[in-house]
Amino acid sequence: MTDSREDGFLGGRLRIAQPARGYRSGADAVMLAAACPASPGESVLELGCGAGVASLCLGWRVPGLRLIGLERQADYADLARRNAAANGIALTVLTGDLADPPPELRGQSLDHVIANPPYFLSGTSAPQPGRAAARQEATPLALWIDAGLRRLRPGGVLTLIQRADRLQDVLAALSGRAGAVTILPLAARAGREAGRILLTARKGARGPLRLLAPLILHAGTRHEADGEDLTPAAQAVLRHGDTLTRLFAKVS
């Protein structure tokens, strides 16, 4: 992919090439990385890694991880490899479909799987094939979750970001296979419904579901001026590489 542009993440700490026209990762990928409770020395697989934004944000925050990305689109996979090298973060990127993973992935049992599955079931497709594939669901959400659970070791953690209105589908796919589910709603502004959810689940666990207080992303009740209006909590994650795992670990 030659038609690309460079975007800054984590306050410019990471410089990542993404398609100039087509799907580009943004805040959701950074939030996904911040919610993954990985520790140095552990292994993490990202399903549908795109240009590598979530994996590289996680690798920047937690050194010493064994990072693997799986990406169906070869041009995005190539971008992810280039981005990892440019930022000095070790990331193995495999090209393949999560419904039929490459042989080098099938035998692995990992500590963590992270994913940002496509949000939209139907509607008008984006004109760029790469953007359409990233945003609209071709592989059912249940298959994404199944693929993630298959790659996890017993007790391993699946971390997802998804639209709030798909939560019932996520929970149905996890039923009987993963528990200790913790959900962090993401709301654009105070008083508004959550549009996204971050979710962690532990393979084989039987702990109760926990629903956390929402994380508010923007200050004020509406956008009133040009420029960024992130809340301090959102700014800490998106601009400074802070973690969200303390929220998930907190016992109410």
C-alpha atoms as a PDB file:
ATOM      1  CA  MET A   1       0.000   0.000   0.000  1.00  0.00           C
ATOM      2  CA  THR A   2       1.774   3.144  -1.234  1.00  0.00           C
ATOM      3  CA  ASP A   3      -1.040   5.679  -0.675  1.00  0.00           C
ATOM      4  CA  SER A   4      -0.665   6.156   3.058  1.00  0.00           C
ATOM      5  CA  ARG A   5      -0.291   8.923   5.608  1.00  0.00           C
ATOM      6  CA  GLU A   6       1.370   9.043   9.011  1.00  0.00           C
ATOM      7  CA  ASP A   7      -0.778   9.527  12.108  1.00  0.00           C
ATOM      8  CA  GLY A   8       0.384  10.238  15.640  1.00  0.00           C
ATOM      9  CA  PHE A   9      -0.864   8.214  18.610  1.00  0.00           C
ATOM     10  CA  LEU A  10      -0.293   8.589  22.345  1.00  0.00           C
ATOM     11  CA  GLY A  11       0.582  12.246  21.982  1.00  0.00           C
ATOM     12  CA  GLY A  12       2.955  11.532  19.086  1.00  0.00           C
ATOM     13  CA  ARG A  13       4.888   8.851  20.921  1.00  0.00           C
ATOM     14  CA  LEU A  14       3.920   6.444  18.149  1.00  0.00           C
ATOM     15  CA  ARG A  15       3.978   7.388  14.465  1.00  0.00           C
ATOM     16  CA  ILE A  16       1.855   4.973  12.469  1.00  0.00           C
ATOM     17  CA  ALA A  17       1.286   4.825   8.713  1.00  0.00           C
ATOM     18  CA  GLN A  18      -2.347   4.268   7.745  1.00  0.00           C
ATOM     19  CA  PRO A  19      -4.210   4.382   4.429  1.00  0.00           C
ATOM     20  CA  ALA A  20      -4.734   7.906   3.115  1.00  0.00           C
ATOM     21  CA  ARG A  21      -8.081   6.685   1.778  1.00  0.00           C
ATOM     22  CA  GLY A  22      -9.725   3.792   3.563  1.00  0.00           C
ATOM     23  CA  TYR A  23     -10.105   2.605   7.140  1.00  0.00           C
ATOM     24  CA  ARG A  24      -7.901   4.284   9.747  1.00  0.00           C
ATOM     25  CA  SER A  25      -7.843   3.258  13.389  1.00  0.00           C
ATOM     26  CA  GLY A  26      -8.466   5.906  16.028  1.00  0.00           C
ATOM     27  CA  ALA A  27      -9.502   6.233  19.655  1.00  0.00           C
ATOM     28  CA  ASP A  28     -11.217   2.835  19.818  1.00  0.00           C
ATOM     29  CA  ALA A  29      -7.951   1.015  19.116  1.00  0.00           C
ATOM     30  CA  VAL A  30      -6.139   3.016  21.811  1.00  0.00           C
ATOM     31  CA  MET A  31      -8.900   2.305  24.334  1.00  0.00           C
ATOM     32  CA  LEU A  32      -8.796  -1.398  23.470  1.00  0.00           C
ATOM     33  CA  ALA A  33      -5.063  -1.526  24.161  1.00  0.00           C
ATOM     34  CA  ALA A  34      -5.507   0.350  27.443  1.00  0.00           C
ATOM     35  CA  ALA A  35      -8.063  -2.194  28.674  1.00  0.00           C
ATOM     36  CA  CYS A  36      -5.914  -5.291  28.058  1.00  0.00           C
ATOM     37  CA  PRO A  37      -4.461  -6.494  31.396  1.00  0.00           C
ATOM     38  CA  ALA A  38      -1.266  -7.923  29.901  1.00  0.00           C
ATOM     39  CA  SER A  39       1.965  -8.077  31.897  1.00  0.00           C
ATOM     40  CA  PRO A  40       5.586  -8.236  30.691  1.00  0.00           C
ATOM     41  CA  GLY A  41       6.465 -11.699  29.389  1.00  0.00           C
ATOM     42  CA  GLU A  42       2.897 -12.597  28.391  1.00  0.00           C
ATOM     43  CA  SER A  43       1.571 -13.285  24.898  1.00  0.00           C
ATOM     44  CA  VAL A  44      -1.115 -11.235  23.140  1.00  0.00           C
ATOM     45  CA  LEU A  45      -2.926 -11.922  19.875  1.00  0.00           C
ATOM     46  CA  GLU A  46      -4.860  -9.190  18.086  1.00  0.00           C
ATOM     47  CA  LEU A  47      -7.528 -10.465  15.712  1.00  0.00           C
ATOM     48  CA  GLY A  48      -7.942  -8.162  12.723  1.00  0.00           C
ATOM     49  CA  CYS A  49      -4.958  -5.998  13.601  1.00  0.00           C
ATOM     50  CA  GLY A  50      -5.220  -3.652  10.609  1.00  0.00           C
ATOM     51  CA  ALA A  51      -2.206  -1.331  10.527  1.00  0.00           C
ATOM     52  CA  GLY A  52      -1.257  -2.457  14.038  1.00  0.00           C
ATOM     53  CA  VAL A  53      -2.444   0.504  16.116  1.00  0.00           C
ATOM     54  CA  ALA A  54      -3.886  -1.388  19.114  1.00  0.00           C
ATOM     55  CA  SER A  55      -1.022  -3.887  19.316  1.00  0.00           C
ATOM     56  CA  LEU A  56       1.614  -1.160  19.063  1.00  0.00           C
ATOM     57  CA  CYS A  57      -0.087   1.015  21.687  1.00  0.00           C
ATOM     58  CA  LEU A  58      -0.120  -2.004  24.000  1.00  0.00           C
ATOM     59  CA  GLY A  59       3.502  -2.822  23.177  1.00  0.00           C
ATOM     60  CA  TRP A  60       4.530   0.760  23.920  1.00  0.00           C
ATOM     61  CA  ARG A  61       2.777   0.675  27.297  1.00  0.00           C
ATOM     62  CA  VAL A  62       3.870  -2.832  28.362  1.00  0.00           C
ATOM     63  CA  PRO A  63       7.412  -3.793  27.351  1.00  0.00           C
ATOM     64  CA  GLY A  64       8.420  -7.414  26.928  1.00  0.00           C
ATOM     65  CA  LEU A  65       5.185  -8.747  25.467  1.00  0.00           C
ATOM     66  CA  ARG A  66       5.045 -11.364  22.718  1.00  0.00           C
ATOM     67  CA  LEU A  67       2.719  -9.626  20.291  1.00  0.00           C
ATOM     68  CA  ILE A  68       1.022 -11.350  17.356  1.00  0.00           C
ATOM     69  CA  GLY A  69      -1.364  -9.753  14.889  1.00  0.00           C
ATOM     70  CA  LEU A  70      -3.674 -11.569  12.493  1.00  0.00           C
ATOM     71  CA  GLU A  71      -4.921  -9.584   9.494  1.00  0.00           C
ATOM     72  CA  ARG A  72      -6.897 -10.807   6.490  1.00  0.00           C
ATOM     73  CA  GLN A  73      -5.994  -7.946   4.147  1.00  0.00           C
ATOM     74  CA  ALA A  74      -2.418  -8.290   2.938  1.00  0.00           C
ATOM     75  CA  ASP A  75      -1.828  -4.565   2.396  1.00  0.00           C
ATOM     76  CA  TYR A  76      -2.887  -3.741   5.966  1.00  0.00           C
ATOM     77  CA  ALA A  77      -0.742  -6.595   7.297  1.00  0.00           C
ATOM     78  CA  ASP A  78       2.236  -5.147   5.434  1.00  0.00           C
ATOM     79  CA  LEU A  79       1.546  -1.722   6.964  1.00  0.00           C
ATOM     80  CA  ALA A  80       1.457  -3.281  10.437  1.00  0.00           C
ATOM     81  CA  ARG A  81       4.859  -4.887   9.868  1.00  0.00           C
ATOM     82  CA  ARG A  82       6.312  -1.598   8.662  1.00  0.00           C
ATOM     83  CA  ASN A  83       4.810   0.302  11.586  1.00  0.00           C
ATOM     84  CA  ALA A  84       6.197  -2.154  14.122  1.00  0.00           C
ATOM     85  CA  ALA A  85       9.687  -1.822  12.641  1.00  0.00           C
ATOM     86  CA  ALA A  86       9.454   1.987  12.451  1.00  0.00           C
ATOM     87  CA  ASN A  87       8.439   2.247  16.108  1.00  0.00           C
ATOM     88  CA  GLY A  88      10.891  -0.356  17.396  1.00  0.00           C
ATOM     89  CA  ILE A  89       8.211  -2.673  18.803  1.00  0.00           C
ATOM     90  CA  ALA A  90       8.348  -6.410  18.148  1.00  0.00           C
ATOM     91  CA  LEU A  91       5.107  -7.533  16.485  1.00  0.00           C
ATOM     92  CA  THR A  92       4.675 -10.694  14.441  1.00  0.00           C
ATOM     93  CA  VAL A  93       1.989 -10.124  11.820  1.00  0.00           C
ATOM     94  CA  LEU A  94       0.340 -13.108  10.150  1.00  0.00           C
ATOM     95  CA  THR A  95      -1.816 -12.782   7.055  1.00  0.00           C
ATOM     96  CA  GLY A  96      -4.913 -14.935   7.210  1.00  0.00           C
ATOM     97  CA  ASP A  97      -8.585 -15.244   8.088  1.00  0.00           C
ATOM     98  CA  LEU A  98      -9.647 -15.738  11.708  1.00  0.00           C
ATOM     99  CA  ALA A  99     -12.219 -18.290  10.519  1.00  0.00           C
ATOM    100  CA  ASP A 100      -9.385 -20.359   9.015  1.00  0.00           C
ATOM    101  CA  PRO A 101      -6.207 -19.256  10.822  1.00  0.00           C
ATOM    102  CA  PRO A 102      -2.759 -19.936   9.381  1.00  0.00           C
ATOM    103  CA  PRO A 103      -1.000 -23.107  10.591  1.00  0.00           C
ATOM    104  CA  GLU A 104       1.541 -21.217  12.713  1.00  0.00           C
ATOM    105  CA  LEU A 105      -1.298 -19.838  14.834  1.00  0.00           C
ATOM    106  CA  ARG A 106      -3.508 -22.900  15.241  1.00  0.00           C
ATOM    107  CA  GLY A 107      -1.361 -24.670  17.796  1.00  0.00           C
ATOM    108  CA  GLN A 108      -0.762 -21.653  20.013  1.00  0.00           C
ATOM    109  CA  SER A 109      -2.277 -21.091  23.451  1.00  0.00           C
ATOM    110  CA  LEU A 110      -1.999 -17.443  24.451  1.00  0.00           C
ATOM    111  CA  ASP A 111      -2.454 -15.317  27.561  1.00  0.00           C
ATOM    112  CA  HIS A 112      -4.547 -12.605  25.914  1.00  0.00           C
ATOM    113  CA  VAL A 113      -6.612 -11.958  22.805  1.00  0.00           C
ATOM    114  CA  ILE A 114      -7.773  -8.464  21.858  1.00  0.00           C
ATOM    115  CA  ALA A 115     -10.149  -7.495  19.063  1.00  0.00           C
ATOM    116  CA  ASN A 116     -12.107  -4.592  17.603  1.00  0.00           C
ATOM    117  CA  PRO A 117     -14.590  -6.478  15.385  1.00  0.00           C
ATOM    118  CA  PRO A 118     -16.475  -4.565  12.660  1.00  0.00           C
ATOM    119  CA  TYR A 119     -19.379  -2.649  14.146  1.00  0.00           C
ATOM    120  CA  PHE A 120     -21.979  -2.570  11.410  1.00  0.00           C
ATOM    121  CA  LEU A 121     -24.256  -5.378  10.254  1.00  0.00           C
ATOM    122  CA  SER A 122     -25.615  -3.714   7.136  1.00  0.00           C
ATOM    123  CA  GLY A 123     -25.995  -0.447   5.282  1.00  0.00           C
ATOM    124  CA  THR A 124     -24.162   1.307   2.496  1.00  0.00           C
ATOM    125  CA  SER A 125     -20.655  -0.025   2.057  1.00  0.00           C
ATOM    126  CA  ALA A 126     -17.705   2.338   2.139  1.00  0.00           C
ATOM    127  CA  PRO A 127     -16.272   2.999  -1.334  1.00  0.00           C
ATOM    128  CA  GLN A 128     -12.819   1.697  -0.351  1.00  0.00           C
ATOM    129  CA  PRO A 129     -12.778  -2.118   0.064  1.00  0.00           C
ATOM    130  CA  GLY A 130     -10.391  -1.918   3.013  1.00  0.00           C
ATOM    131  CA  ARG A 131     -12.650   0.480   4.890  1.00  0.00           C
ATOM    132  CA  ALA A 132     -15.731  -1.589   4.137  1.00  0.00           C
ATOM    133  CA  ALA A 133     -14.053  -4.796   5.349  1.00  0.00           C
ATOM    134  CA  ALA A 134     -12.979  -3.138   8.593  1.00  0.00           C
ATOM    135  CA  ARG A 135     -16.345  -1.517   9.375  1.00  0.00           C
ATOM    136  CA  GLN A 136     -18.987  -3.964   8.138  1.00  0.00           C
ATOM    137  CA  GLU A 137     -19.428  -7.445   9.495  1.00  0.00           C
ATOM    138  CA  ALA A 138     -18.605 -10.164   6.964  1.00  0.00           C
ATOM    139  CA  THR A 139     -17.499 -12.688   9.585  1.00  0.00           C
ATOM    140  CA  PRO A 140     -20.197 -12.989  12.305  1.00  0.00           C
ATOM    141  CA  LEU A 141     -19.337 -11.498  15.692  1.00  0.00           C
ATOM    142  CA  ALA A 142     -19.828 -14.917  17.314  1.00  0.00           C
ATOM    143  CA  LEU A 143     -17.062 -16.277  15.083  1.00  0.00           C
ATOM    144  CA  TRP A 144     -14.675 -13.530  16.204  1.00  0.00           C
ATOM    145  CA  ILE A 145     -15.323 -14.470  19.817  1.00  0.00           C
ATOM    146  CA  ASP A 146     -15.043 -18.188  19.096  1.00  0.00           C
ATOM    147  CA  ALA A 147     -11.708 -17.643  17.345  1.00  0.00           C
ATOM    148  CA  GLY A 148     -10.431 -15.613  20.277  1.00  0.00           C
ATOM    149  CA  LEU A 149     -11.472 -18.174  22.880  1.00  0.00           C
ATOM    150  CA  ARG A 150      -9.910 -21.009  20.888  1.00  0.00           C
ATOM    151  CA  ARG A 151      -6.545 -19.256  20.960  1.00  0.00           C
ATOM    152  CA  LEU A 152      -6.635 -18.520  24.698  1.00  0.00           C
ATOM    153  CA  ARG A 153      -5.141 -20.751  27.352  1.00  0.00           C
ATOM    154  CA  PRO A 154      -7.466 -21.706  30.246  1.00  0.00           C
ATOM    155  CA  GLY A 155      -7.800 -18.587  32.360  1.00  0.00           C
ATOM    156  CA  GLY A 156      -6.647 -16.351  29.507  1.00  0.00           C
ATOM    157  CA  VAL A 157      -8.368 -13.012  28.967  1.00  0.00           C
ATOM    158  CA  LEU A 158     -10.369 -11.838  25.974  1.00  0.00           C
ATOM    159  CA  THR A 159     -10.639  -8.048  25.609  1.00  0.00           C
ATOM    160  CA  LEU A 160     -13.092  -6.506  23.124  1.00  0.00           C
ATOM    161  CA  ILE A 161     -14.414  -3.122  22.127  1.00  0.00           C
ATOM    162  CA  GLN A 162     -17.806  -3.094  20.451  1.00  0.00           C
ATOM    163  CA  ARG A 163     -20.963  -1.050  19.985  1.00  0.00           C
ATOM    164  CA  ALA A 164     -23.152  -1.016  23.070  1.00  0.00           C
ATOM    165  CA  ASP A 165     -26.120  -2.347  21.116  1.00  0.00           C
ATOM    166  CA  ARG A 166     -24.163  -5.519  20.290  1.00  0.00           C
ATOM    167  CA  LEU A 167     -23.583  -6.398  23.948  1.00  0.00           C
ATOM    168  CA  GLN A 168     -26.267  -9.094  24.011  1.00  0.00           C
ATOM    169  CA  ASP A 169     -24.584 -10.793  21.023  1.00  0.00           C
ATOM    170  CA  VAL A 170     -21.214 -10.688  22.780  1.00  0.00           C
ATOM    171  CA  LEU A 171     -22.605 -12.170  25.990  1.00  0.00           C
ATOM    172  CA  ALA A 172     -24.422 -14.909  24.075  1.00  0.00           C
ATOM    173  CA  ALA A 173     -21.187 -15.927  22.350  1.00  0.00           C
ATOM    174  CA  LEU A 174     -19.322 -16.014  25.680  1.00  0.00           C
ATOM    175  CA  SER A 175     -21.997 -18.025  27.503  1.00  0.00           C
ATOM    176  CA  GLY A 176     -20.684 -21.255  29.001  1.00  0.00           C
ATOM    177  CA  ARG A 177     -17.154 -20.619  27.756  1.00  0.00           C
ATOM    178  CA  ALA A 178     -15.898 -17.510  29.573  1.00  0.00           C
ATOM    179  CA  GLY A 179     -16.920 -15.696  32.710  1.00  0.00           C
ATOM    180  CA  ALA A 180     -15.864 -13.006  35.184  1.00  0.00           C
ATOM    181  CA  VAL A 181     -17.130 -10.632  32.509  1.00  0.00           C
ATOM    182  CA  THR A 182     -16.437  -6.958  33.219  1.00  0.00           C
ATOM    183  CA  ILE A 183     -17.999  -4.209  31.115  1.00  0.00           C
ATOM    184  CA  LEU A 184     -16.873  -0.586  30.931  1.00  0.00           C
ATOM    185  CA  PRO A 185     -19.378   1.610  29.048  1.00  0.00           C
ATOM    186  CA  LEU A 186     -17.897   4.480  27.013  1.00  0.00           C
ATOM    187  CA  ALA A 187     -20.089   7.575  26.756  1.00  0.00           C
ATOM    188  CA  ALA A 188     -19.297  10.577  24.597  1.00  0.00           C
ATOM    189  CA  ARG A 189     -20.546  13.051  27.220  1.00  0.00           C
ATOM    190  CA  ALA A 190     -22.054  13.030  30.704  1.00  0.00           C
ATOM    191  CA  GLY A 191     -25.752  12.211  30.626  1.00  0.00           C
ATOM    192  CA  ARG A 192     -25.592  10.487  27.251  1.00  0.00           C
ATOM    193  CA  GLU A 193     -26.071   6.803  26.564  1.00  0.00           C
ATOM    194  CA  ALA A 194     -22.953   4.720  26.074  1.00  0.00           C
ATOM    195  CA  GLY A 195     -22.182   4.186  22.404  1.00  0.00           C
ATOM    196  CA  ARG A 196     -19.364   1.699  22.949  1.00  0.00           C
ATOM    197  CA  ILE A 197     -18.414  -0.894  25.532  1.00  0.00           C
ATOM    198  CA  LEU A 198     -15.069  -2.316  26.543  1.00  0.00           C
ATOM    199  CA  LEU A 199     -15.347  -5.873  27.826  1.00  0.00           C
ATOM    200  CA  THR A 200     -13.005  -8.384  29.385  1.00  0.00           C
ATOM    201  CA  ALA A 201     -13.805 -12.064  29.980  1.00  0.00           C
ATOM    202  CA  ARG A 202     -11.706 -14.888  31.354  1.00  0.00           C
ATOM    203  CA  LYS A 203     -11.783 -18.260  29.586  1.00  0.00           C
ATOM    204  CA  GLY A 204     -13.315 -20.966  31.775  1.00  0.00           C
ATOM    205  CA  ALA A 205     -14.023 -18.617  34.684  1.00  0.00           C
ATOM    206  CA  ARG A 206     -17.338 -18.552  36.531  1.00  0.00           C
ATOM    207  CA  GLY A 207     -17.189 -15.211  38.305  1.00  0.00           C
ATOM    208  CA  PRO A 208     -20.169 -12.835  38.241  1.00  0.00           C
ATOM    209  CA  LEU A 209     -20.667 -10.147  35.629  1.00  0.00           C
ATOM    210  CA  ARG A 210     -19.608  -6.648  36.682  1.00  0.00           C
ATOM    211  CA  LEU A 211     -20.937  -3.463  35.068  1.00  0.00           C
ATOM    212  CA  LEU A 212     -18.688  -0.482  35.797  1.00  0.00           C
ATOM    213  CA  ALA A 213     -19.550   3.203  35.899  1.00  0.00           C
ATOM    214  CA  PRO A 214     -19.179   4.742  32.434  1.00  0.00           C
ATOM    215  CA  LEU A 215     -16.017   6.430  31.258  1.00  0.00           C
ATOM    216  CA  ILE A 216     -16.904   9.884  29.912  1.00  0.00           C
ATOM    217  CA  LEU A 217     -14.786  10.874  26.918  1.00  0.00           C
ATOM    218  CA  HIS A 218     -15.597  14.566  26.389  1.00  0.00           C
ATOM    219  CA  ALA A 219     -16.094  17.461  28.791  1.00  0.00           C
ATOM    220  CA  GLY A 220     -19.280  19.509  28.843  1.00  0.00           C
ATOM    221  CA  THR A 221     -22.696  18.677  27.516  1.00  0.00           C
ATOM    222  CA  ARG A 222     -21.852  19.565  23.907  1.00  0.00           C
ATOM    223  CA  HIS A 223     -18.958  20.537  21.677  1.00  0.00           C
ATOM    224  CA  GLU A 224     -18.804  24.342  21.780  1.00  0.00           C
ATOM    225  CA  ALA A 225     -15.468  25.304  20.198  1.00  0.00           C
ATOM    226  CA  ASP A 226     -12.822  24.109  17.812  1.00  0.00           C
ATOM    227  CA  GLY A 227     -10.178  21.878  19.331  1.00  0.00           C
ATOM    228  CA  GLU A 228     -10.083  18.902  21.622  1.00  0.00           C
ATOM    229  CA  ASP A 229     -12.350  18.703  24.669  1.00  0.00           C
ATOM    230  CA  LEU A 230     -11.342  15.368  26.179  1.00  0.00           C
ATOM    231  CA  THR A 231     -11.946  14.743  29.867  1.00  0.00           C
ATOM    232  CA  PRO A 232      -8.775  14.295  31.956  1.00  0.00           C
ATOM    233  CA  ALA A 233      -9.432  10.537  32.198  1.00  0.00           C
ATOM    234  CA  ALA A 234      -9.782  10.157  28.426  1.00  0.00           C
ATOM    235  CA  GLN A 235      -6.802  12.397  27.758  1.00  0.00           C
ATOM    236  CA  ALA A 236      -4.640  10.305  30.079  1.00  0.00           C
ATOM    237  CA  VAL A 237      -5.400   7.198  27.993  1.00  0.00           C
ATOM    238  CA  LEU A 238      -5.471   8.662  24.498  1.00  0.00           C
ATOM    239  CA  ARG A 239      -2.600  11.129  24.766  1.00  0.00           C
ATOM    240  CA  HIS A 240      -0.360   9.783  27.517  1.00  0.00           C
ATOM    241  CA  GLY A 241      -0.692   5.998  27.263  1.00  0.00           C
ATOM    242  CA  ASP A 242      -2.364   5.476  30.630  1.00  0.00           C
ATOM    243  CA  THR A 243      -4.078   2.174  31.391  1.00  0.00           C
ATOM    244  CA  LEU A 244      -7.725   1.353  32.049  1.00  0.00           C
ATOM    245  CA  THR A 245      -6.937  -1.930  33.771  1.00  0.00           C
ATOM    246  CA  ARG A 246      -7.160  -0.383  37.235  1.00  0.00           C
ATOM    247  CA  LEU A 247     -10.853   0.283  36.573  1.00  0.00           C
ATOM    248  CA  PHE A 248     -11.441  -3.327  35.601  1.00  0.00           C
ATOM    249  CA  ALA A 249      -9.503  -4.619  38.608  1.00  0.00           C
ATOM    250  CA  LYS A 250     -11.264  -2.428  41.159  1.00  0.00           C
ATOM    251  CA  VAL A 251     -13.718  -4.310  43.362  1.00  0.00           C
ATOM    252  CA  SER A 252     -16.756  -2.255  44.275  1.00  0.00           C
END
